[in-house]
Every structure is written in structure tokens, then in C-alpha cells.
Amino acid sequence: MTTRKMTTRALGWVAATGALVAVPFGLATATASAASHNWDGVAQCESGGNWGTNTGNGYYGGLQFSQSTWTANGGSGSPHGASKAEQIRVAENTLASQGPGAWPVCGQYLSTATEDVAPEPAPAPAPAPAPVEIPAVPAVIAPALPALETIPAPAADQVKKASDAAVALANQHGFGDQIQQLIANNGVALASLTR
């Protein structure tokens, strides 16, 4: 086997392993942003639907955050001073970190959405900076690179261990089926990485 072929195989193995580990995180982000919960139902139960409430009981806003929960889950300022969309964003983080038990009575409304919550319009983008002219730089010829160190291809058990680790991580975050499908769809590529 040539050095180039072995290097290509090693780089492929590294890329596939990195993809297997990174995919669950990408799926977590996509799925979390697509989550549909009935936050209006929770707010109706918690605060009578008043997103700006501050009754002095230590819980604030439509979803009745304590200040510490609000801050720990990405909120800034006071919950009752935040927009409905911001309260829902922090609530999604709270739901991910604490589960529906964060709203012991009213969490029952989180199972389905009864109405779509329209997001607040995004602020207008900042104007693009003026283009900067970059002076021409004379060409420099780089010295030849030293020969790459030969990295042996991974053994089949190493690829299996990497796949199993990715599956375990995906299962922890609720994406076991997706990672299993990814591995099944790319079995030929994974098998070609081994010795």
C-alpha cells in the first residue's frame, strides 16, 4: 500500500470519526429549535397569560421564572421585562436542562402546541462595512513540505468503538435512531477505513 493511500485512509478515518461524534450535537440543535411546545398554555396556567407579570412572589414573567433559573438558562435582566419570545427561548433552555418538572403543575401543557407562536421579527442587519483594498503581495514560493508520517489505518474494532461511542452519546441526547440510520447509510465508507 502506498504512503499516499495510507494517508488518505487515515484522514478519512479521522473525518468519519469526527462526523460520528459531531452529528448528535448538530441534530440536538436542529431538533431543539424545531420543538413545538404550548408555552401560551403554560403561561395561562402560571400567570393568567400575563407575560409581564411581577406579583412580588419571587417568580416573574408569563412562565414564572425565579431570577436564578432565568439567569442560569441564558436570560439577562428580569424575566418580566423580557419579550414573550425571549421568555420562550429561556424556557426552552430550562426545559432542556430541568425537564417539564421546572413547571410542576403547568408543565402538563408542554406536550403539544395549540397555536403557533410567531417569532418576533429579527432586527435589521447592520450595514456591510466598506470594502478595504488590500495591497498586492509578491508571490513567495514555499519550500517543499517534508514527507507525511505514515499513519496506519484503524482496525475494525477501533471503528466499531468509535461508532459505539457516537451511538451512546446520541442515545443520551435522544437521537439514537438518527445516528443508527447515519451509520447504516454509511457502512461501506466506514468499512473502507479499516485495515
N, C-alpha and C. Protein backbone atom coordinates (compact mmCIF):
# COMPACT_ATOMS: atom_id res chain seq x y z
N MET A 1 0.86 -1.17 0.00
CA MET A 1 0.00 0.00 0.00
C MET A 1 0.91 1.23 0.00
N THR A 2 0.56 2.21 -0.81
CA THR A 2 1.39 3.41 -0.90
C THR A 2 1.15 4.33 0.29
N THR A 3 2.14 5.18 0.52
CA THR A 3 2.04 6.14 1.62
C THR A 3 0.85 7.06 1.41
N ARG A 4 0.64 7.47 0.17
CA ARG A 4 -0.47 8.37 -0.14
C ARG A 4 -1.81 7.70 0.18
N LYS A 5 -1.95 6.44 -0.20
CA LYS A 5 -3.20 5.73 0.05
C LYS A 5 -3.43 5.57 1.55
N MET A 6 -2.35 5.28 2.30
CA MET A 6 -2.49 5.11 3.74
C MET A 6 -2.82 6.45 4.41
N THR A 7 -2.22 7.52 3.94
CA THR A 7 -2.50 8.84 4.49
C THR A 7 -3.95 9.23 4.20
N THR A 8 -4.39 8.97 2.99
CA THR A 8 -5.77 9.27 2.62
C THR A 8 -6.74 8.47 3.49
N ARG A 9 -6.43 7.20 3.70
CA ARG A 9 -7.28 6.35 4.53
C ARG A 9 -7.31 6.87 5.97
N ALA A 10 -6.16 7.27 6.50
CA ALA A 10 -6.10 7.77 7.88
C ALA A 10 -6.90 9.07 8.01
N LEU A 11 -6.75 9.96 7.04
CA LEU A 11 -7.51 11.20 7.09
C LEU A 11 -9.00 10.94 6.98
N GLY A 12 -9.37 9.98 6.16
CA GLY A 12 -10.78 9.60 6.04
C GLY A 12 -11.32 9.06 7.35
N TRP A 13 -10.50 8.25 8.03
CA TRP A 13 -10.91 7.68 9.32
C TRP A 13 -11.12 8.79 10.34
N VAL A 14 -10.22 9.75 10.37
CA VAL A 14 -10.34 10.87 11.31
C VAL A 14 -11.60 11.67 11.00
N ALA A 15 -11.86 11.94 9.73
CA ALA A 15 -13.03 12.71 9.34
C ALA A 15 -14.32 11.98 9.69
N ALA A 16 -14.36 10.68 9.43
CA ALA A 16 -15.57 9.90 9.73
C ALA A 16 -15.81 9.85 11.23
N THR A 17 -14.75 9.66 12.00
CA THR A 17 -14.90 9.61 13.46
C THR A 17 -15.39 10.95 13.99
N GLY A 18 -14.83 12.02 13.49
CA GLY A 18 -15.26 13.35 13.91
C GLY A 18 -16.72 13.60 13.56
N ALA A 19 -17.13 13.15 12.37
CA ALA A 19 -18.52 13.32 11.97
C ALA A 19 -19.46 12.52 12.86
N LEU A 20 -19.05 11.30 13.19
CA LEU A 20 -19.90 10.47 14.05
C LEU A 20 -20.08 11.10 15.42
N VAL A 21 -19.06 11.74 15.93
CA VAL A 21 -19.15 12.36 17.24
C VAL A 21 -19.91 13.68 17.15
N ALA A 22 -19.76 14.44 16.07
CA ALA A 22 -20.37 15.76 15.95
C ALA A 22 -21.84 15.72 15.55
N VAL A 23 -22.28 14.69 14.83
CA VAL A 23 -23.65 14.65 14.33
C VAL A 23 -24.69 14.76 15.44
N PRO A 24 -24.56 14.05 16.56
CA PRO A 24 -25.59 14.20 17.60
C PRO A 24 -25.76 15.63 18.08
N PHE A 25 -24.68 16.39 18.14
CA PHE A 25 -24.79 17.77 18.59
C PHE A 25 -25.52 18.61 17.56
N GLY A 26 -25.23 18.38 16.29
CA GLY A 26 -25.94 19.10 15.24
C GLY A 26 -27.42 18.75 15.24
N LEU A 27 -27.75 17.49 15.43
CA LEU A 27 -29.14 17.08 15.49
C LEU A 27 -29.82 17.68 16.71
N ALA A 28 -29.12 17.77 17.82
CA ALA A 28 -29.70 18.34 19.03
C ALA A 28 -30.08 19.79 18.79
N THR A 29 -29.24 20.53 18.11
CA THR A 29 -29.52 21.93 17.84
C THR A 29 -30.71 22.06 16.91
N ALA A 30 -30.72 21.27 15.83
CA ALA A 30 -31.81 21.37 14.88
C ALA A 30 -33.13 20.96 15.51
N THR A 31 -33.14 19.90 16.29
CA THR A 31 -34.37 19.42 16.89
C THR A 31 -34.85 20.37 17.97
N ALA A 32 -33.92 20.90 18.76
CA ALA A 32 -34.32 21.82 19.82
C ALA A 32 -34.98 23.05 19.25
N SER A 33 -34.47 23.57 18.13
CA SER A 33 -35.06 24.76 17.56
C SER A 33 -36.39 24.46 16.89
N ALA A 34 -36.63 23.19 16.54
CA ALA A 34 -37.88 22.82 15.90
C ALA A 34 -38.94 22.39 16.92
N ALA A 35 -38.58 22.37 18.20
CA ALA A 35 -39.51 21.91 19.22
C ALA A 35 -40.73 22.81 19.24
N SER A 36 -41.89 22.20 19.42
CA SER A 36 -43.14 22.95 19.46
C SER A 36 -43.81 22.63 20.78
N HIS A 37 -43.85 23.61 21.66
CA HIS A 37 -44.47 23.44 22.96
C HIS A 37 -45.54 24.51 23.13
N ASN A 38 -46.52 24.21 23.92
CA ASN A 38 -47.61 25.15 24.16
C ASN A 38 -47.25 26.08 25.31
N TRP A 39 -46.33 27.00 25.05
CA TRP A 39 -45.90 27.94 26.09
C TRP A 39 -47.03 28.89 26.48
N ASP A 40 -47.95 29.16 25.55
CA ASP A 40 -49.10 30.01 25.90
C ASP A 40 -49.97 29.30 26.94
N GLY A 41 -50.10 27.96 26.81
CA GLY A 41 -50.87 27.20 27.81
C GLY A 41 -50.20 27.23 29.17
N VAL A 42 -48.85 27.10 29.17
CA VAL A 42 -48.11 27.16 30.43
C VAL A 42 -48.26 28.54 31.05
N ALA A 43 -48.14 29.58 30.23
CA ALA A 43 -48.27 30.96 30.74
C ALA A 43 -49.68 31.22 31.26
N GLN A 44 -50.68 30.68 30.57
CA GLN A 44 -52.06 30.86 31.04
C GLN A 44 -52.23 30.23 32.42
N CYS A 45 -51.65 29.05 32.59
CA CYS A 45 -51.73 28.33 33.87
C CYS A 45 -50.90 29.03 34.95
N GLU A 46 -49.69 29.48 34.61
CA GLU A 46 -48.77 30.07 35.60
C GLU A 46 -49.15 31.50 35.99
N SER A 47 -49.53 32.32 34.99
CA SER A 47 -49.68 33.75 35.26
C SER A 47 -50.95 34.35 34.67
N GLY A 48 -51.88 33.50 34.27
CA GLY A 48 -53.08 34.03 33.63
C GLY A 48 -52.79 34.58 32.26
N GLY A 49 -51.64 34.18 31.68
CA GLY A 49 -51.26 34.64 30.34
C GLY A 49 -50.61 36.01 30.31
N ASN A 50 -50.25 36.55 31.48
CA ASN A 50 -49.63 37.87 31.56
C ASN A 50 -48.11 37.71 31.50
N TRP A 51 -47.51 37.98 30.34
CA TRP A 51 -46.08 37.78 30.11
C TRP A 51 -45.23 38.81 30.85
N GLY A 52 -45.83 39.89 31.34
CA GLY A 52 -45.07 40.93 32.02
C GLY A 52 -45.36 41.00 33.51
N THR A 53 -45.86 39.93 34.08
CA THR A 53 -46.29 39.97 35.48
C THR A 53 -45.12 39.93 36.46
N ASN A 54 -45.31 40.71 37.56
CA ASN A 54 -44.39 40.69 38.70
C ASN A 54 -45.27 40.89 39.93
N THR A 55 -45.68 39.77 40.53
CA THR A 55 -46.61 39.84 41.66
C THR A 55 -45.91 39.95 42.99
N GLY A 56 -44.57 39.91 43.00
CA GLY A 56 -43.83 40.02 44.24
C GLY A 56 -43.66 38.70 44.98
N ASN A 57 -43.97 37.58 44.31
CA ASN A 57 -43.85 36.28 44.96
C ASN A 57 -42.50 35.59 44.68
N GLY A 58 -41.59 36.29 44.01
CA GLY A 58 -40.28 35.70 43.71
C GLY A 58 -40.22 35.01 42.36
N TYR A 59 -41.33 35.01 41.63
CA TYR A 59 -41.39 34.42 40.29
C TYR A 59 -41.91 35.49 39.34
N TYR A 60 -41.34 35.50 38.12
CA TYR A 60 -41.57 36.64 37.24
C TYR A 60 -41.92 36.19 35.83
N GLY A 61 -42.63 37.05 35.12
CA GLY A 61 -42.95 36.82 33.72
C GLY A 61 -44.08 35.84 33.53
N GLY A 62 -44.40 35.62 32.27
CA GLY A 62 -45.51 34.73 31.93
C GLY A 62 -45.29 33.30 32.35
N LEU A 63 -44.03 32.87 32.39
CA LEU A 63 -43.73 31.48 32.72
C LEU A 63 -43.21 31.32 34.14
N GLN A 64 -43.28 32.42 34.93
CA GLN A 64 -42.95 32.42 36.35
C GLN A 64 -41.57 31.86 36.66
N PHE A 65 -40.57 32.51 36.10
CA PHE A 65 -39.17 32.15 36.37
C PHE A 65 -38.73 32.73 37.70
N SER A 66 -37.91 31.98 38.44
CA SER A 66 -37.17 32.61 39.53
C SER A 66 -36.00 33.33 38.86
N GLN A 67 -35.46 34.35 39.49
CA GLN A 67 -34.35 35.08 38.88
C GLN A 67 -33.16 34.16 38.63
N SER A 68 -32.88 33.23 39.56
CA SER A 68 -31.73 32.34 39.39
C SER A 68 -31.91 31.38 38.22
N THR A 69 -33.12 30.85 38.04
CA THR A 69 -33.38 29.95 36.90
C THR A 69 -33.27 30.74 35.60
N TRP A 70 -33.80 31.94 35.59
CA TRP A 70 -33.75 32.80 34.41
C TRP A 70 -32.29 33.03 33.98
N THR A 71 -31.46 33.42 34.92
CA THR A 71 -30.06 33.72 34.62
C THR A 71 -29.30 32.46 34.24
N ALA A 72 -29.53 31.35 34.95
CA ALA A 72 -28.81 30.10 34.68
C ALA A 72 -29.12 29.54 33.31
N ASN A 73 -30.24 29.91 32.73
CA ASN A 73 -30.64 29.35 31.44
C ASN A 73 -30.57 30.36 30.31
N GLY A 74 -29.75 31.39 30.50
CA GLY A 74 -29.45 32.29 29.39
C GLY A 74 -30.22 33.59 29.37
N GLY A 75 -31.03 33.86 30.39
CA GLY A 75 -31.76 35.12 30.42
C GLY A 75 -30.89 36.24 30.97
N SER A 76 -31.19 37.45 30.55
CA SER A 76 -30.49 38.61 31.12
C SER A 76 -31.56 39.62 31.53
N GLY A 77 -31.23 40.42 32.52
CA GLY A 77 -32.22 41.35 33.03
C GLY A 77 -33.25 40.60 33.86
N SER A 78 -34.49 41.08 33.81
CA SER A 78 -35.57 40.45 34.58
C SER A 78 -36.52 39.73 33.64
N PRO A 79 -37.04 38.58 34.04
CA PRO A 79 -37.95 37.84 33.17
C PRO A 79 -39.19 38.64 32.79
N HIS A 80 -39.76 39.37 33.74
CA HIS A 80 -41.00 40.10 33.44
C HIS A 80 -40.76 41.29 32.52
N GLY A 81 -39.51 41.70 32.35
CA GLY A 81 -39.19 42.79 31.43
C GLY A 81 -38.81 42.30 30.03
N ALA A 82 -38.71 40.97 29.88
CA ALA A 82 -38.30 40.40 28.59
C ALA A 82 -39.51 40.16 27.70
N SER A 83 -39.27 40.10 26.41
CA SER A 83 -40.34 39.83 25.46
C SER A 83 -40.84 38.39 25.62
N LYS A 84 -41.99 38.13 25.08
CA LYS A 84 -42.56 36.78 25.10
C LYS A 84 -41.60 35.81 24.40
N ALA A 85 -41.06 36.20 23.26
CA ALA A 85 -40.14 35.33 22.51
C ALA A 85 -38.89 35.03 23.34
N GLU A 86 -38.37 36.02 24.05
CA GLU A 86 -37.18 35.81 24.88
C GLU A 86 -37.51 34.88 26.04
N GLN A 87 -38.68 35.05 26.65
CA GLN A 87 -39.09 34.16 27.74
C GLN A 87 -39.21 32.72 27.23
N ILE A 88 -39.73 32.55 26.04
CA ILE A 88 -39.87 31.21 25.46
C ILE A 88 -38.49 30.63 25.15
N ARG A 89 -37.56 31.45 24.66
CA ARG A 89 -36.21 30.96 24.38
C ARG A 89 -35.55 30.44 25.66
N VAL A 90 -35.66 31.21 26.72
CA VAL A 90 -35.07 30.79 28.00
C VAL A 90 -35.83 29.57 28.55
N ALA A 91 -37.14 29.52 28.32
CA ALA A 91 -37.93 28.37 28.77
C ALA A 91 -37.50 27.10 28.05
N GLU A 92 -37.18 27.18 26.76
CA GLU A 92 -36.69 26.00 26.02
C GLU A 92 -35.38 25.52 26.64
N ASN A 93 -34.51 26.45 27.01
CA ASN A 93 -33.25 26.08 27.67
C ASN A 93 -33.54 25.44 29.03
N THR A 94 -34.48 26.01 29.76
CA THR A 94 -34.84 25.46 31.07
C THR A 94 -35.43 24.07 30.92
N LEU A 95 -36.28 23.90 29.93
CA LEU A 95 -36.88 22.59 29.67
C LEU A 95 -35.80 21.57 29.36
N ALA A 96 -34.80 21.97 28.57
CA ALA A 96 -33.71 21.06 28.22
C ALA A 96 -32.86 20.70 29.44
N SER A 97 -32.66 21.65 30.35
CA SER A 97 -31.80 21.39 31.50
C SER A 97 -32.54 20.78 32.69
N GLN A 98 -33.83 21.08 32.86
CA GLN A 98 -34.56 20.62 34.04
C GLN A 98 -35.74 19.71 33.72
N GLY A 99 -36.19 19.72 32.48
CA GLY A 99 -37.36 18.94 32.12
C GLY A 99 -38.64 19.68 32.50
N PRO A 100 -39.80 19.06 32.21
CA PRO A 100 -41.07 19.72 32.49
C PRO A 100 -41.33 19.93 33.98
N GLY A 101 -40.56 19.27 34.85
CA GLY A 101 -40.70 19.46 36.29
C GLY A 101 -40.37 20.86 36.74
N ALA A 102 -39.75 21.66 35.87
CA ALA A 102 -39.49 23.06 36.21
C ALA A 102 -40.81 23.81 36.39
N TRP A 103 -41.89 23.28 35.80
CA TRP A 103 -43.23 23.81 35.97
C TRP A 103 -44.09 22.65 36.50
N PRO A 104 -44.02 22.37 37.81
CA PRO A 104 -44.61 21.16 38.37
C PRO A 104 -46.08 20.95 38.05
N VAL A 105 -46.87 22.00 38.06
CA VAL A 105 -48.30 21.87 37.77
C VAL A 105 -48.57 22.16 36.30
N CYS A 106 -48.01 23.23 35.80
CA CYS A 106 -48.36 23.71 34.47
C CYS A 106 -47.53 23.07 33.35
N GLY A 107 -46.53 22.27 33.70
CA GLY A 107 -45.73 21.58 32.69
C GLY A 107 -46.55 20.63 31.84
N GLN A 108 -47.76 20.29 32.30
CA GLN A 108 -48.63 19.39 31.54
C GLN A 108 -48.99 19.98 30.17
N TYR A 109 -48.87 21.28 30.00
CA TYR A 109 -49.22 21.93 28.74
C TYR A 109 -48.10 21.87 27.71
N LEU A 110 -46.97 21.28 28.08
CA LEU A 110 -45.82 21.28 27.17
C LEU A 110 -45.90 20.21 26.08
N SER A 111 -46.83 19.28 26.16
CA SER A 111 -46.85 18.16 25.23
C SER A 111 -47.16 18.57 23.80
N THR A 112 -48.10 19.48 23.57
CA THR A 112 -48.43 19.88 22.20
C THR A 112 -48.74 21.36 22.17
N ALA A 113 -48.60 21.93 21.00
CA ALA A 113 -48.92 23.35 20.83
C ALA A 113 -50.34 23.48 20.32
N THR A 114 -51.10 24.41 20.90
CA THR A 114 -52.45 24.64 20.42
C THR A 114 -52.49 25.79 19.43
N GLU A 115 -51.45 26.56 19.41
CA GLU A 115 -51.35 27.63 18.44
C GLU A 115 -49.89 27.90 18.16
N ASP A 116 -49.63 28.37 16.97
CA ASP A 116 -48.24 28.69 16.62
C ASP A 116 -47.88 30.02 17.22
N VAL A 117 -46.70 30.09 17.80
CA VAL A 117 -46.20 31.33 18.37
C VAL A 117 -45.33 31.98 17.31
N ALA A 118 -45.76 33.13 16.84
CA ALA A 118 -44.98 33.82 15.81
C ALA A 118 -43.78 34.47 16.45
N PRO A 119 -42.60 34.18 15.92
CA PRO A 119 -41.41 34.81 16.49
C PRO A 119 -41.41 36.31 16.21
N GLU A 120 -40.80 37.04 17.09
CA GLU A 120 -40.67 38.47 16.86
C GLU A 120 -39.76 38.69 15.66
N PRO A 121 -40.03 39.71 14.87
CA PRO A 121 -39.18 39.94 13.70
C PRO A 121 -37.73 40.20 14.12
N ALA A 122 -36.83 39.70 13.32
CA ALA A 122 -35.41 39.89 13.60
C ALA A 122 -35.04 41.34 13.34
N PRO A 123 -34.11 41.86 14.10
CA PRO A 123 -33.69 43.24 13.84
C PRO A 123 -33.02 43.35 12.48
N ALA A 124 -33.08 44.53 11.91
CA ALA A 124 -32.47 44.75 10.60
C ALA A 124 -30.97 44.51 10.70
N PRO A 125 -30.40 43.86 9.69
CA PRO A 125 -28.96 43.61 9.74
C PRO A 125 -28.17 44.91 9.66
N ALA A 126 -27.02 44.90 10.29
CA ALA A 126 -26.15 46.07 10.25
C ALA A 126 -25.62 46.25 8.83
N PRO A 127 -25.41 47.48 8.41
CA PRO A 127 -24.89 47.67 7.06
C PRO A 127 -23.49 47.05 6.93
N ALA A 128 -23.23 46.55 5.74
CA ALA A 128 -21.93 45.92 5.49
C ALA A 128 -20.83 46.97 5.54
N PRO A 129 -19.68 46.62 6.08
CA PRO A 129 -18.59 47.59 6.10
C PRO A 129 -18.08 47.86 4.69
N ALA A 130 -17.53 49.04 4.53
CA ALA A 130 -17.00 49.41 3.22
C ALA A 130 -15.84 48.48 2.87
N PRO A 131 -15.73 48.10 1.59
CA PRO A 131 -14.64 47.21 1.21
C PRO A 131 -13.28 47.87 1.45
N VAL A 132 -12.35 47.09 1.88
CA VAL A 132 -10.99 47.58 2.13
C VAL A 132 -10.09 47.01 1.04
N GLU A 133 -9.34 47.90 0.42
CA GLU A 133 -8.45 47.44 -0.64
C GLU A 133 -7.17 46.91 0.00
N ILE A 134 -6.82 45.70 -0.40
CA ILE A 134 -5.63 45.05 0.14
C ILE A 134 -4.53 45.16 -0.91
N PRO A 135 -3.38 45.70 -0.51
CA PRO A 135 -2.30 45.84 -1.49
C PRO A 135 -1.80 44.46 -1.93
N ALA A 136 -1.33 44.41 -3.15
CA ALA A 136 -0.82 43.16 -3.70
C ALA A 136 0.46 42.76 -2.96
N VAL A 137 0.59 41.47 -2.73
CA VAL A 137 1.76 40.93 -2.05
C VAL A 137 2.53 40.10 -3.06
N PRO A 138 3.84 40.29 -3.13
CA PRO A 138 4.60 39.50 -4.10
C PRO A 138 4.50 38.01 -3.77
N ALA A 139 4.48 37.20 -4.81
CA ALA A 139 4.37 35.75 -4.62
C ALA A 139 5.63 35.21 -3.95
N VAL A 140 5.40 34.28 -3.04
CA VAL A 140 6.50 33.63 -2.34
C VAL A 140 6.39 32.14 -2.61
N ILE A 141 7.49 31.56 -2.98
CA ILE A 141 7.48 30.12 -3.25
C ILE A 141 7.85 29.42 -1.95
N ALA A 142 6.93 28.58 -1.49
CA ALA A 142 7.14 27.87 -0.24
C ALA A 142 8.08 26.69 -0.46
N PRO A 143 8.87 26.38 0.55
CA PRO A 143 9.74 25.21 0.42
C PRO A 143 8.90 23.94 0.39
N ALA A 144 9.44 22.91 -0.17
CA ALA A 144 8.74 21.63 -0.24
C ALA A 144 8.45 21.13 1.17
N LEU A 145 7.28 20.56 1.34
CA LEU A 145 6.91 20.03 2.64
C LEU A 145 7.60 18.69 2.88
N PRO A 146 7.94 18.41 4.13
CA PRO A 146 8.53 17.11 4.42
C PRO A 146 7.49 16.00 4.19
N ALA A 147 7.97 14.81 3.98
CA ALA A 147 7.07 13.68 3.75
C ALA A 147 6.19 13.48 4.98
N LEU A 148 4.92 13.17 4.73
CA LEU A 148 3.99 12.92 5.83
C LEU A 148 4.31 11.60 6.51
N GLU A 149 4.12 11.61 7.81
CA GLU A 149 4.32 10.38 8.57
C GLU A 149 3.21 9.41 8.20
N THR A 150 3.55 8.18 8.02
CA THR A 150 2.57 7.18 7.67
C THR A 150 1.77 6.80 8.92
N ILE A 151 0.47 6.92 8.80
CA ILE A 151 -0.41 6.56 9.89
C ILE A 151 -1.15 5.30 9.46
N PRO A 152 -1.05 4.25 10.25
CA PRO A 152 -1.74 3.03 9.85
C PRO A 152 -3.26 3.21 9.90
N ALA A 153 -3.95 2.48 9.05
CA ALA A 153 -5.40 2.52 9.05
C ALA A 153 -5.91 1.91 10.36
N PRO A 154 -7.03 2.37 10.84
CA PRO A 154 -7.55 1.82 12.10
C PRO A 154 -8.04 0.39 11.91
N ALA A 155 -8.00 -0.35 12.97
CA ALA A 155 -8.53 -1.71 12.93
C ALA A 155 -10.04 -1.63 12.99
N ALA A 156 -10.70 -2.69 12.55
CA ALA A 156 -12.16 -2.72 12.53
C ALA A 156 -12.73 -2.48 13.92
N ASP A 157 -12.06 -2.99 14.96
CA ASP A 157 -12.58 -2.80 16.31
C ASP A 157 -12.50 -1.33 16.74
N GLN A 158 -11.52 -0.57 16.21
CA GLN A 158 -11.43 0.85 16.54
C GLN A 158 -12.58 1.62 15.90
N VAL A 159 -12.92 1.28 14.68
CA VAL A 159 -14.05 1.92 14.01
C VAL A 159 -15.34 1.56 14.75
N LYS A 160 -15.46 0.32 15.17
CA LYS A 160 -16.64 -0.13 15.93
C LYS A 160 -16.74 0.63 17.25
N LYS A 161 -15.61 0.80 17.95
CA LYS A 161 -15.62 1.54 19.22
C LYS A 161 -16.05 3.00 19.00
N ALA A 162 -15.54 3.61 17.94
CA ALA A 162 -15.91 5.00 17.65
C ALA A 162 -17.40 5.09 17.32
N SER A 163 -17.91 4.14 16.55
CA SER A 163 -19.34 4.12 16.22
C SER A 163 -20.17 3.92 17.47
N ASP A 164 -19.76 2.97 18.33
CA ASP A 164 -20.49 2.71 19.56
C ASP A 164 -20.51 3.94 20.47
N ALA A 165 -19.38 4.67 20.54
CA ALA A 165 -19.32 5.88 21.36
C ALA A 165 -20.29 6.94 20.82
N ALA A 166 -20.35 7.06 19.50
CA ALA A 166 -21.26 8.02 18.89
C ALA A 166 -22.71 7.64 19.17
N VAL A 167 -23.02 6.35 19.10
CA VAL A 167 -24.38 5.89 19.37
C VAL A 167 -24.75 6.16 20.83
N ALA A 168 -23.83 5.87 21.75
CA ALA A 168 -24.11 6.10 23.17
C ALA A 168 -24.38 7.58 23.43
N LEU A 169 -23.57 8.45 22.84
CA LEU A 169 -23.76 9.88 23.02
C LEU A 169 -25.09 10.32 22.41
N ALA A 170 -25.40 9.82 21.24
CA ALA A 170 -26.66 10.17 20.59
C ALA A 170 -27.85 9.69 21.42
N ASN A 171 -27.76 8.50 21.98
CA ASN A 171 -28.85 7.98 22.81
C ASN A 171 -29.06 8.86 24.04
N GLN A 172 -27.98 9.37 24.62
CA GLN A 172 -28.10 10.25 25.79
C GLN A 172 -28.89 11.51 25.45
N HIS A 173 -28.80 11.94 24.21
CA HIS A 173 -29.47 13.18 23.81
C HIS A 173 -30.74 12.91 22.99
N GLY A 174 -31.16 11.65 22.93
CA GLY A 174 -32.41 11.33 22.25
C GLY A 174 -32.34 11.22 20.75
N PHE A 175 -31.16 10.95 20.21
CA PHE A 175 -31.01 10.87 18.76
C PHE A 175 -30.43 9.53 18.31
N GLY A 176 -30.71 8.49 19.08
CA GLY A 176 -30.16 7.16 18.78
C GLY A 176 -30.59 6.65 17.42
N ASP A 177 -31.87 6.85 17.08
CA ASP A 177 -32.36 6.35 15.78
C ASP A 177 -31.66 7.04 14.62
N GLN A 178 -31.45 8.35 14.74
CA GLN A 178 -30.82 9.09 13.65
C GLN A 178 -29.37 8.64 13.44
N ILE A 179 -28.62 8.43 14.53
CA ILE A 179 -27.22 8.04 14.38
C ILE A 179 -27.13 6.62 13.85
N GLN A 180 -28.07 5.76 14.27
CA GLN A 180 -28.09 4.39 13.74
C GLN A 180 -28.31 4.42 12.23
N GLN A 181 -29.23 5.28 11.79
CA GLN A 181 -29.50 5.41 10.36
C GLN A 181 -28.27 5.97 9.63
N LEU A 182 -27.60 6.94 10.23
CA LEU A 182 -26.39 7.51 9.63
C LEU A 182 -25.32 6.44 9.45
N ILE A 183 -25.14 5.62 10.47
CA ILE A 183 -24.13 4.56 10.40
C ILE A 183 -24.54 3.53 9.36
N ALA A 184 -25.83 3.17 9.33
CA ALA A 184 -26.30 2.19 8.35
C ALA A 184 -26.12 2.70 6.93
N ASN A 185 -26.41 3.98 6.71
CA ASN A 185 -26.30 4.56 5.37
C ASN A 185 -24.85 4.74 4.92
N ASN A 186 -23.91 4.74 5.87
CA ASN A 186 -22.51 4.97 5.54
C ASN A 186 -21.63 3.78 5.91
N GLY A 187 -22.22 2.60 6.01
CA GLY A 187 -21.49 1.40 6.38
C GLY A 187 -20.34 1.08 5.44
N VAL A 188 -20.53 1.28 4.14
CA VAL A 188 -19.49 0.99 3.15
C VAL A 188 -18.29 1.91 3.38
N ALA A 189 -18.57 3.19 3.63
CA ALA A 189 -17.48 4.15 3.86
C ALA A 189 -16.73 3.81 5.14
N LEU A 190 -17.46 3.43 6.18
CA LEU A 190 -16.81 3.09 7.45
C LEU A 190 -15.96 1.80 7.29
N ALA A 191 -16.50 0.84 6.56
CA ALA A 191 -15.75 -0.42 6.36
C ALA A 191 -14.49 -0.19 5.55
N SER A 192 -14.52 0.77 4.61
CA SER A 192 -13.33 1.01 3.78
C SER A 192 -12.20 1.67 4.55
N LEU A 193 -12.47 2.15 5.76
CA LEU A 193 -11.44 2.80 6.55
C LEU A 193 -10.54 1.81 7.27
N THR A 194 -10.99 0.60 7.45
CA THR A 194 -10.23 -0.36 8.23
C THR A 194 -9.13 -1.00 7.43
N ARG A 195 -8.20 -1.65 8.16
CA ARG A 195 -7.06 -2.32 7.52
C ARG A 195 -7.51 -3.46 6.65
